[in-house]
Amino acid sequence: MPLGMSPEKKAALQKAFADEGLPNTFKALEKRLIERGGEYMAAGKLSWADIIVYYFAAELPDKEVNKDIFKIY
């Protein structure tokens, strides 16, 4: 936590990230995926981009955040 940030401010930032940041990010990633054929993020085959996107989504502490947004697992 940055110096001087109150727990209330931290909670508000986390909520904004979960309510706005993640859905917008996943929608943009899903759009990119669809533009590229819907199977892989880049190069038409499994790449580090696919692994990174999967890992990011799979490691979110709150799995409910992305369950209806970006179905990758």
Protein backbone atom coordinates (compact mmCIF):
# COMPACT_ATOMS: atom_id res chain seq x y z
CA MET A 1 0.00 0.00 0.00
CA PRO A 2 1.43 3.41 -0.92
CA LEU A 3 2.46 5.60 1.95
CA GLY A 4 -0.39 7.66 3.31
CA MET A 5 -3.18 5.67 1.63
CA SER A 6 -6.03 4.95 3.98
CA PRO A 7 -7.75 1.54 4.03
CA GLU A 8 -10.92 3.25 2.77
CA LYS A 9 -9.07 4.71 -0.24
CA LYS A 10 -7.48 1.35 -0.98
CA ALA A 11 -10.89 -0.37 -0.84
CA ALA A 12 -12.39 2.27 -3.15
CA LEU A 13 -9.58 1.80 -5.69
CA GLN A 14 -9.95 -1.99 -5.58
CA LYS A 15 -13.70 -1.68 -6.13
CA ALA A 16 -13.21 0.67 -9.08
CA PHE A 17 -10.68 -1.73 -10.58
CA ALA A 18 -13.07 -4.68 -10.18
CA ASP A 19 -16.14 -2.77 -11.39
CA GLU A 20 -14.60 -0.81 -14.27
CA GLY A 21 -10.98 -1.66 -14.97
CA LEU A 22 -11.26 -5.43 -15.29
CA PRO A 23 -14.45 -5.54 -17.35
CA ASN A 24 -13.06 -2.96 -19.79
CA THR A 25 -9.76 -4.82 -20.05
CA PHE A 26 -11.42 -8.18 -20.62
CA LYS A 27 -13.80 -6.73 -23.22
CA ALA A 28 -10.84 -5.27 -25.12
CA LEU A 29 -8.98 -8.59 -24.93
CA GLU A 30 -12.05 -10.49 -26.07
CA LYS A 31 -12.49 -8.09 -29.01
CA ARG A 32 -8.86 -8.63 -30.00
CA LEU A 33 -9.30 -12.39 -29.70
CA ILE A 34 -12.39 -12.35 -31.93
CA GLU A 35 -10.62 -10.15 -34.49
CA ARG A 36 -7.88 -12.76 -34.69
CA GLY A 37 -10.20 -15.70 -35.30
CA GLY A 38 -11.32 -16.45 -31.75
CA GLU A 39 -8.79 -19.11 -30.91
CA TYR A 40 -5.44 -17.44 -30.14
CA MET A 41 -4.37 -13.95 -29.14
CA ALA A 42 -1.52 -13.68 -31.66
CA ALA A 43 0.13 -15.44 -34.61
CA GLY A 44 -2.70 -17.96 -35.12
CA LYS A 45 -1.16 -20.34 -32.60
CA LEU A 46 -0.52 -20.62 -28.89
CA SER A 47 1.86 -17.88 -27.80
CA TRP A 48 3.09 -16.13 -24.69
CA ALA A 49 0.21 -13.69 -25.13
CA ASP A 50 -2.31 -16.50 -24.57
CA ILE A 51 -0.42 -17.80 -21.55
CA ILE A 52 -0.15 -14.34 -19.97
CA VAL A 53 -3.85 -13.55 -20.48
CA TYR A 54 -4.84 -16.92 -19.04
CA TYR A 55 -2.52 -16.57 -16.06
CA PHE A 56 -3.76 -13.04 -15.33
CA ALA A 57 -7.41 -14.13 -15.35
CA ALA A 58 -6.81 -17.40 -13.52
CA GLU A 59 -4.87 -15.73 -10.70
CA LEU A 60 -7.41 -13.04 -9.88
CA PRO A 61 -8.30 -13.33 -6.19
CA ASP A 62 -12.01 -12.92 -6.92
CA LYS A 63 -13.00 -15.34 -9.71
CA GLU A 64 -16.53 -13.93 -9.76
CA VAL A 65 -15.20 -10.69 -11.26
CA ASN A 66 -14.56 -12.23 -14.65
CA LYS A 67 -16.91 -15.19 -14.86
CA ASP A 68 -19.41 -13.49 -17.19
CA ILE A 69 -16.96 -11.24 -18.97
CA PHE A 70 -14.19 -13.29 -20.49
CA LYS A 71 -14.65 -17.06 -20.65
CA ILE A 72 -11.18 -18.52 -21.00
CA TYR A 73 -11.24 -21.42 -18.54
